[in-house]
Amino acid sequence: MQVRVIKIGNSRGIRLSKNIIQKYNIQEDVELILEDEQIVLKPISKVRQGWNEAFKEMHQQGDDRLLMDDVFEDEDI
């Protein structure tokens, strides 16, 4: 795909179409990666996105129990 570099204030930039923004779930920020003489834009996903729903599902399935005791035998209480 070929896009035109446009003037934005004192800088230059490119526009991304609505379809690209939706397809790659681009929100506000992207990571700019420079590698092998190429520029790669990578969407930044929110850290821990969806964790609340996953924890609720784990609880409903009884899969949220401790894997080891939180107090060890040789530990003072």
PDB file of N, CA and C in Angstrom:
ATOM      1  N   MET A   1       0.846  -1.170   0.000  1.00  0.00           N
ATOM      2  CA  MET A   1       0.000   0.000   0.000  1.00  0.00           C
ATOM      3  C   MET A   1       0.891   1.232   0.000  1.00  0.00           C
ATOM      4  N   GLN A   2       0.590   2.162  -0.830  1.00  0.00           N
ATOM      5  CA  GLN A   2       1.356   3.391  -0.912  1.00  0.00           C
ATOM      6  C   GLN A   2       0.543   4.514  -0.285  1.00  0.00           C
ATOM      7  N   VAL A   3       1.183   5.308   0.587  1.00  0.00           N
ATOM      8  CA  VAL A   3       0.522   6.459   1.208  1.00  0.00           C
ATOM      9  C   VAL A   3       1.412   7.679   1.033  1.00  0.00           C
ATOM     10  N   ARG A   4       0.815   8.834   1.068  1.00  0.00           N
ATOM     11  CA  ARG A   4       1.542  10.087   0.890  1.00  0.00           C
ATOM     12  C   ARG A   4       1.980  10.624   2.252  1.00  0.00           C
ATOM     13  N   VAL A   5       3.206  11.127   2.311  1.00  0.00           N
ATOM     14  CA  VAL A   5       3.708  11.800   3.508  1.00  0.00           C
ATOM     15  C   VAL A   5       3.205  13.239   3.440  1.00  0.00           C
ATOM     16  N   ILE A   6       2.532  13.678   4.522  1.00  0.00           N
ATOM     17  CA  ILE A   6       1.923  15.010   4.531  1.00  0.00           C
ATOM     18  C   ILE A   6       2.575  15.885   5.589  1.00  0.00           C
ATOM     19  N   LYS A   7       2.410  17.180   5.432  1.00  0.00           N
ATOM     20  CA  LYS A   7       2.945  18.132   6.406  1.00  0.00           C
ATOM     21  C   LYS A   7       1.952  18.267   7.564  1.00  0.00           C
ATOM     22  N   ILE A   8       2.479  18.133   8.792  1.00  0.00           N
ATOM     23  CA  ILE A   8       1.679  18.304  10.002  1.00  0.00           C
ATOM     24  C   ILE A   8       2.449  19.273  10.894  1.00  0.00           C
ATOM     25  N   GLY A   9       2.080  20.564  10.850  1.00  0.00           N
ATOM     26  CA  GLY A   9       2.831  21.579  11.581  1.00  0.00           C
ATOM     27  C   GLY A   9       4.246  21.666  11.027  1.00  0.00           C
ATOM     28  N   ASN A  10       5.249  21.553  11.911  1.00  0.00           N
ATOM     29  CA  ASN A  10       6.646  21.560  11.489  1.00  0.00           C
ATOM     30  C   ASN A  10       7.147  20.160  11.170  1.00  0.00           C
ATOM     31  N   SER A  11       6.289  19.156  11.289  1.00  0.00           N
ATOM     32  CA  SER A  11       6.681  17.760  11.076  1.00  0.00           C
ATOM     33  C   SER A  11       6.032  17.216   9.807  1.00  0.00           C
ATOM     34  N   ARG A  12       6.295  15.948   9.546  1.00  0.00           N
ATOM     35  CA  ARG A  12       5.672  15.242   8.432  1.00  0.00           C
ATOM     36  C   ARG A  12       5.082  13.951   8.997  1.00  0.00           C
ATOM     37  N   GLY A  13       4.033  13.456   8.384  1.00  0.00           N
ATOM     38  CA  GLY A  13       3.406  12.244   8.889  1.00  0.00           C
ATOM     39  C   GLY A  13       2.608  11.542   7.811  1.00  0.00           C
ATOM     40  N   ILE A  14       1.982  10.445   8.186  1.00  0.00           N
ATOM     41  CA  ILE A  14       1.104   9.713   7.282  1.00  0.00           C
ATOM     42  C   ILE A  14      -0.249   9.551   7.961  1.00  0.00           C
ATOM     43  N   ARG A  15      -1.285   9.354   7.153  1.00  0.00           N
ATOM     44  CA  ARG A  15      -2.621   9.089   7.676  1.00  0.00           C
ATOM     45  C   ARG A  15      -2.906   7.607   7.530  1.00  0.00           C
ATOM     46  N   LEU A  16      -3.560   7.052   8.540  1.00  0.00           N
ATOM     47  CA  LEU A  16      -3.993   5.655   8.481  1.00  0.00           C
ATOM     48  C   LEU A  16      -5.490   5.644   8.250  1.00  0.00           C
ATOM     49  N   SER A  17      -5.934   4.796   7.346  1.00  0.00           N
ATOM     50  CA  SER A  17      -7.361   4.729   7.049  1.00  0.00           C
ATOM     51  C   SER A  17      -8.132   4.147   8.237  1.00  0.00           C
ATOM     52  N   LYS A  18      -9.415   4.436   8.261  1.00  0.00           N
ATOM     53  CA  LYS A  18     -10.294   3.917   9.307  1.00  0.00           C
ATOM     54  C   LYS A  18     -10.262   2.393   9.326  1.00  0.00           C
ATOM     55  N   ASN A  19     -10.221   1.765   8.137  1.00  0.00           N
ATOM     56  CA  ASN A  19     -10.188   0.305   8.056  1.00  0.00           C
ATOM     57  C   ASN A  19      -8.945  -0.269   8.728  1.00  0.00           C
ATOM     58  N   ILE A  20      -7.783   0.339   8.502  1.00  0.00           N
ATOM     59  CA  ILE A  20      -6.537  -0.137   9.122  1.00  0.00           C
ATOM     60  C   ILE A  20      -6.602   0.046  10.627  1.00  0.00           C
ATOM     61  N   ILE A  21      -7.092   1.190  11.067  1.00  0.00           N
ATOM     62  CA  ILE A  21      -7.189   1.468  12.506  1.00  0.00           C
ATOM     63  C   ILE A  21      -8.092   0.444  13.187  1.00  0.00           C
ATOM     64  N   GLN A  22      -9.215   0.120  12.570  1.00  0.00           N
ATOM     65  CA  GLN A  22     -10.128  -0.861  13.148  1.00  0.00           C
ATOM     66  C   GLN A  22      -9.561  -2.272  13.078  1.00  0.00           C
ATOM     67  N   LYS A  23      -9.004  -2.641  11.929  1.00  0.00           N
ATOM     68  CA  LYS A  23      -8.500  -4.001  11.743  1.00  0.00           C
ATOM     69  C   LYS A  23      -7.392  -4.340  12.745  1.00  0.00           C
ATOM     70  N   TYR A  24      -6.510  -3.383  13.013  1.00  0.00           N
ATOM     71  CA  TYR A  24      -5.383  -3.639  13.912  1.00  0.00           C
ATOM     72  C   TYR A  24      -5.617  -3.100  15.314  1.00  0.00           C
ATOM     73  N   ASN A  25      -6.848  -2.679  15.598  1.00  0.00           N
ATOM     74  CA  ASN A  25      -7.250  -2.222  16.922  1.00  0.00           C
ATOM     75  C   ASN A  25      -6.295  -1.162  17.469  1.00  0.00           C
ATOM     76  N   ILE A  26      -6.018  -0.153  16.651  1.00  0.00           N
ATOM     77  CA  ILE A  26      -5.151   0.944  17.066  1.00  0.00           C
ATOM     78  C   ILE A  26      -5.987   1.929  17.857  1.00  0.00           C
ATOM     79  N   GLN A  27      -5.572   2.212  19.085  1.00  0.00           N
ATOM     80  CA  GLN A  27      -6.306   3.132  19.941  1.00  0.00           C
ATOM     81  C   GLN A  27      -5.658   4.514  19.868  1.00  0.00           C
ATOM     82  N   GLU A  28      -4.805   4.841  20.828  1.00  0.00           N
ATOM     83  CA  GLU A  28      -4.173   6.156  20.857  1.00  0.00           C
ATOM     84  C   GLU A  28      -2.686   6.098  20.553  1.00  0.00           C
ATOM     85  N   ASP A  29      -2.019   5.034  20.958  1.00  0.00           N
ATOM     86  CA  ASP A  29      -0.573   4.951  20.811  1.00  0.00           C
ATOM     87  C   ASP A  29      -0.183   3.728  19.999  1.00  0.00           C
ATOM     88  N   VAL A  30       0.929   3.843  19.289  1.00  0.00           N
ATOM     89  CA  VAL A  30       1.529   2.720  18.588  1.00  0.00           C
ATOM     90  C   VAL A  30       3.015   2.694  18.928  1.00  0.00           C
ATOM     91  N   GLU A  31       3.602   1.515  18.838  1.00  0.00           N
ATOM     92  CA  GLU A  31       5.048   1.377  19.024  1.00  0.00           C
ATOM     93  C   GLU A  31       5.693   1.504  17.651  1.00  0.00           C
ATOM     94  N   LEU A  32       6.729   2.329  17.570  1.00  0.00           N
ATOM     95  CA  LEU A  32       7.463   2.526  16.322  1.00  0.00           C
ATOM     96  C   LEU A  32       8.744   1.726  16.413  1.00  0.00           C
ATOM     97  N   ILE A  33       8.902   0.747  15.517  1.00  0.00           N
ATOM     98  CA  ILE A  33      10.056  -0.142  15.534  1.00  0.00           C
ATOM     99  C   ILE A  33      10.857   0.096  14.258  1.00  0.00           C
ATOM    100  N   LEU A  34      12.151   0.370  14.415  1.00  0.00           N
ATOM    101  CA  LEU A  34      13.035   0.557  13.265  1.00  0.00           C
ATOM    102  C   LEU A  34      13.913  -0.674  13.156  1.00  0.00           C
ATOM    103  N   GLU A  35      13.756  -1.440  12.058  1.00  0.00           N
ATOM    104  CA  GLU A  35      14.540  -2.659  11.896  1.00  0.00           C
ATOM    105  C   GLU A  35      14.757  -2.947  10.420  1.00  0.00           C
ATOM    106  N   ASP A  36      15.952  -3.370  10.085  1.00  0.00           N
ATOM    107  CA  ASP A  36      16.293  -3.763   8.710  1.00  0.00           C
ATOM    108  C   ASP A  36      15.813  -2.744   7.680  1.00  0.00           C
ATOM    109  N   GLU A  37      16.101  -1.472   7.937  1.00  0.00           N
ATOM    110  CA  GLU A  37      15.727  -0.380   7.035  1.00  0.00           C
ATOM    111  C   GLU A  37      14.229  -0.314   6.768  1.00  0.00           C
ATOM    112  N   GLN A  38      13.429  -0.756   7.756  1.00  0.00           N
ATOM    113  CA  GLN A  38      11.974  -0.690   7.658  1.00  0.00           C
ATOM    114  C   GLN A  38      11.427  -0.001   8.904  1.00  0.00           C
ATOM    115  N   ILE A  39      10.273   0.590   8.769  1.00  0.00           N
ATOM    116  CA  ILE A  39       9.561   1.182   9.900  1.00  0.00           C
ATOM    117  C   ILE A  39       8.327   0.327  10.134  1.00  0.00           C
ATOM    118  N   VAL A  40       8.193  -0.181  11.356  1.00  0.00           N
ATOM    119  CA  VAL A  40       7.055  -1.034  11.704  1.00  0.00           C
ATOM    120  C   VAL A  40       6.243  -0.318  12.774  1.00  0.00           C
ATOM    121  N   LEU A  41       4.938  -0.195  12.554  1.00  0.00           N
ATOM    122  CA  LEU A  41       4.025   0.344  13.562  1.00  0.00           C
ATOM    123  C   LEU A  41       3.298  -0.819  14.201  1.00  0.00           C
ATOM    124  N   LYS A  42       3.346  -0.879  15.529  1.00  0.00           N
ATOM    125  CA  LYS A  42       2.714  -1.982  16.242  1.00  0.00           C
ATOM    126  C   LYS A  42       1.738  -1.406  17.269  1.00  0.00           C
ATOM    127  N   PRO A  43       0.463  -1.828  17.217  1.00  0.00           N
ATOM    128  CA  PRO A  43      -0.497  -1.321  18.207  1.00  0.00           C
ATOM    129  C   PRO A  43      -0.054  -1.672  19.618  1.00  0.00           C
ATOM    130  N   ILE A  44      -0.273  -0.763  20.538  1.00  0.00           N
ATOM    131  CA  ILE A  44       0.047  -1.014  21.946  1.00  0.00           C
ATOM    132  C   ILE A  44      -1.249  -1.398  22.644  1.00  0.00           C
ATOM    133  N   SER A  45      -1.288  -2.621  23.144  1.00  0.00           N
ATOM    134  CA  SER A  45      -2.473  -3.049  23.877  1.00  0.00           C
ATOM    135  C   SER A  45      -2.306  -2.690  25.346  1.00  0.00           C
ATOM    136  N   LYS A  46      -3.418  -2.475  25.997  1.00  0.00           N
ATOM    137  CA  LYS A  46      -3.374  -2.121  27.413  1.00  0.00           C
ATOM    138  C   LYS A  46      -2.942  -3.332  28.226  1.00  0.00           C
ATOM    139  N   VAL A  47      -2.002  -3.102  29.121  1.00  0.00           N
ATOM    140  CA  VAL A  47      -1.513  -4.168  29.984  1.00  0.00           C
ATOM    141  C   VAL A  47      -2.659  -4.631  30.885  1.00  0.00           C
ATOM    142  N   ARG A  48      -2.761  -5.937  31.047  1.00  0.00           N
ATOM    143  CA  ARG A  48      -3.774  -6.559  31.907  1.00  0.00           C
ATOM    144  C   ARG A  48      -5.197  -6.369  31.388  1.00  0.00           C
ATOM    145  N   GLN A  49      -5.353  -6.029  30.120  1.00  0.00           N
ATOM    146  CA  GLN A  49      -6.683  -5.873  29.552  1.00  0.00           C
ATOM    147  C   GLN A  49      -7.404  -7.224  29.572  1.00  0.00           C
ATOM    148  N   GLY A  50      -8.610  -7.251  30.100  1.00  0.00           N
ATOM    149  CA  GLY A  50      -9.403  -8.471  30.147  1.00  0.00           C
ATOM    150  C   GLY A  50      -9.148  -9.338  31.368  1.00  0.00           C
ATOM    151  N   TRP A  51      -8.242  -8.913  32.248  1.00  0.00           N
ATOM    152  CA  TRP A  51      -7.915  -9.729  33.419  1.00  0.00           C
ATOM    153  C   TRP A  51      -9.107  -9.872  34.355  1.00  0.00           C
ATOM    154  N   ASN A  52      -9.887  -8.807  34.563  1.00  0.00           N
ATOM    155  CA  ASN A  52     -11.033  -8.886  35.487  1.00  0.00           C
ATOM    156  C   ASN A  52     -12.007  -9.969  35.056  1.00  0.00           C
ATOM    157  N   GLU A  53     -12.313 -10.014  33.765  1.00  0.00           N
ATOM    158  CA  GLU A  53     -13.226 -11.030  33.259  1.00  0.00           C
ATOM    159  C   GLU A  53     -12.632 -12.431  33.432  1.00  0.00           C
ATOM    160  N   ALA A  54     -11.330 -12.565  33.180  1.00  0.00           N
ATOM    161  CA  ALA A  54     -10.672 -13.863  33.323  1.00  0.00           C
ATOM    162  C   ALA A  54     -10.695 -14.321  34.783  1.00  0.00           C
ATOM    163  N   PHE A  55     -10.466 -13.397  35.726  1.00  0.00           N
ATOM    164  CA  PHE A  55     -10.495 -13.757  37.137  1.00  0.00           C
ATOM    165  C   PHE A  55     -11.896 -14.168  37.580  1.00  0.00           C
ATOM    166  N   LYS A  56     -12.918 -13.483  37.092  1.00  0.00           N
ATOM    167  CA  LYS A  56     -14.299 -13.844  37.432  1.00  0.00           C
ATOM    168  C   LYS A  56     -14.615 -15.252  36.925  1.00  0.00           C
ATOM    169  N   GLU A  57     -14.186 -15.552  35.701  1.00  0.00           N
ATOM    170  CA  GLU A  57     -14.419 -16.877  35.131  1.00  0.00           C
ATOM    171  C   GLU A  57     -13.667 -17.952  35.923  1.00  0.00           C
ATOM    172  N   MET A  58     -12.426 -17.650  36.317  1.00  0.00           N
ATOM    173  CA  MET A  58     -11.654 -18.603  37.128  1.00  0.00           C
ATOM    174  C   MET A  58     -12.376 -18.875  38.450  1.00  0.00           C
ATOM    175  N   HIS A  59     -12.916 -17.837  39.076  1.00  0.00           N
ATOM    176  CA  HIS A  59     -13.611 -17.990  40.353  1.00  0.00           C
ATOM    177  C   HIS A  59     -14.865 -18.860  40.179  1.00  0.00           C
ATOM    178  N   GLN A  60     -15.610 -18.609  39.118  1.00  0.00           N
ATOM    179  CA  GLN A  60     -16.829 -19.378  38.865  1.00  0.00           C
ATOM    180  C   GLN A  60     -16.512 -20.855  38.647  1.00  0.00           C
ATOM    181  N   GLN A  61     -15.341 -21.152  38.091  1.00  0.00           N
ATOM    182  CA  GLN A  61     -14.954 -22.536  37.836  1.00  0.00           C
ATOM    183  C   GLN A  61     -14.173 -23.142  39.004  1.00  0.00           C
ATOM    184  N   GLY A  62     -13.989 -22.353  40.072  1.00  0.00           N
ATOM    185  CA  GLY A  62     -13.259 -22.850  41.239  1.00  0.00           C
ATOM    186  C   GLY A  62     -11.769 -23.014  40.984  1.00  0.00           C
ATOM    187  N   ASP A  63     -11.262 -22.272  40.034  1.00  0.00           N
ATOM    188  CA  ASP A  63      -9.855 -22.402  39.652  1.00  0.00           C
ATOM    189  C   ASP A  63      -9.018 -21.248  40.196  1.00  0.00           C
ATOM    190  N   ASP A  64      -9.465 -20.625  41.287  1.00  0.00           N
ATOM    191  CA  ASP A  64      -8.729 -19.493  41.835  1.00  0.00           C
ATOM    192  C   ASP A  64      -8.193 -19.785  43.252  1.00  0.00           C
ATOM    193  N   ARG A  65      -7.964 -21.043  43.539  1.00  0.00           N
ATOM    194  CA  ARG A  65      -7.441 -21.401  44.861  1.00  0.00           C
ATOM    195  C   ARG A  65      -5.917 -21.305  44.865  1.00  0.00           C
ATOM    196  N   LEU A  66      -5.356 -21.183  46.071  1.00  0.00           N
ATOM    197  CA  LEU A  66      -3.901 -21.103  46.203  1.00  0.00           C
ATOM    198  C   LEU A  66      -3.261 -22.424  45.809  1.00  0.00           C
ATOM    199  N   LEU A  67      -2.128 -22.351  45.150  1.00  0.00           N
ATOM    200  CA  LEU A  67      -1.406 -23.560  44.762  1.00  0.00           C
ATOM    201  C   LEU A  67      -0.503 -24.055  45.887  1.00  0.00           C
ATOM    202  N   MET A  68      -0.171 -23.168  46.809  1.00  0.00           N
ATOM    203  CA  MET A  68       0.614 -23.556  47.984  1.00  0.00           C
ATOM    204  C   MET A  68       0.131 -22.741  49.174  1.00  0.00           C
ATOM    205  N   ASP A  69       0.336 -23.266  50.361  1.00  0.00           N
ATOM    206  CA  ASP A  69      -0.099 -22.553  51.558  1.00  0.00           C
ATOM    207  C   ASP A  69       0.601 -21.207  51.641  1.00  0.00           C
ATOM    208  N   ASP A  70      -0.119 -20.222  52.188  1.00  0.00           N
ATOM    209  CA  ASP A  70       0.494 -18.907  52.328  1.00  0.00           C
ATOM    210  C   ASP A  70       1.327 -18.794  53.603  1.00  0.00           C
ATOM    211  N   VAL A  71       1.264 -19.806  54.474  1.00  0.00           N
ATOM    212  CA  VAL A  71       2.094 -19.859  55.674  1.00  0.00           C
ATOM    213  C   VAL A  71       2.791 -21.210  55.693  1.00  0.00           C
ATOM    214  N   PHE A  72       4.101 -21.208  55.833  1.00  0.00           N
ATOM    215  CA  PHE A  72       4.866 -22.453  55.853  1.00  0.00           C
ATOM    216  C   PHE A  72       5.019 -22.969  57.281  1.00  0.00           C
ATOM    217  N   GLU A  73       5.263 -24.255  57.426  1.00  0.00           N
ATOM    218  CA  GLU A  73       5.352 -24.857  58.757  1.00  0.00           C
ATOM    219  C   GLU A  73       6.430 -24.223  59.629  1.00  0.00           C
ATOM    220  N   ASP A  74       7.567 -23.863  59.057  1.00  0.00           N
ATOM    221  CA  ASP A  74       8.667 -23.314  59.843  1.00  0.00           C
ATOM    222  C   ASP A  74       8.600 -21.786  59.980  1.00  0.00           C
ATOM    223  N   GLU A  75       7.479 -21.203  59.596  1.00  0.00           N
ATOM    224  CA  GLU A  75       7.317 -19.762  59.629  1.00  0.00           C
ATOM    225  C   GLU A  75       6.556 -19.378  60.894  1.00  0.00           C
ATOM    226  N   ASP A  76       6.997 -18.357  61.579  1.00  0.00           N
ATOM    227  CA  ASP A  76       6.289 -17.856  62.751  1.00  0.00           C
ATOM    228  C   ASP A  76       5.042 -17.126  62.306  1.00  0.00           C
ATOM    229  N   ILE A  77       3.959 -17.378  63.033  1.00  0.00           N
ATOM    230  CA  ILE A  77       2.687 -16.739  62.677  1.00  0.00           C
ATOM    231  C   ILE A  77       2.541 -15.436  63.395  1.00  0.00           C
TER     232      ILE A  77
END
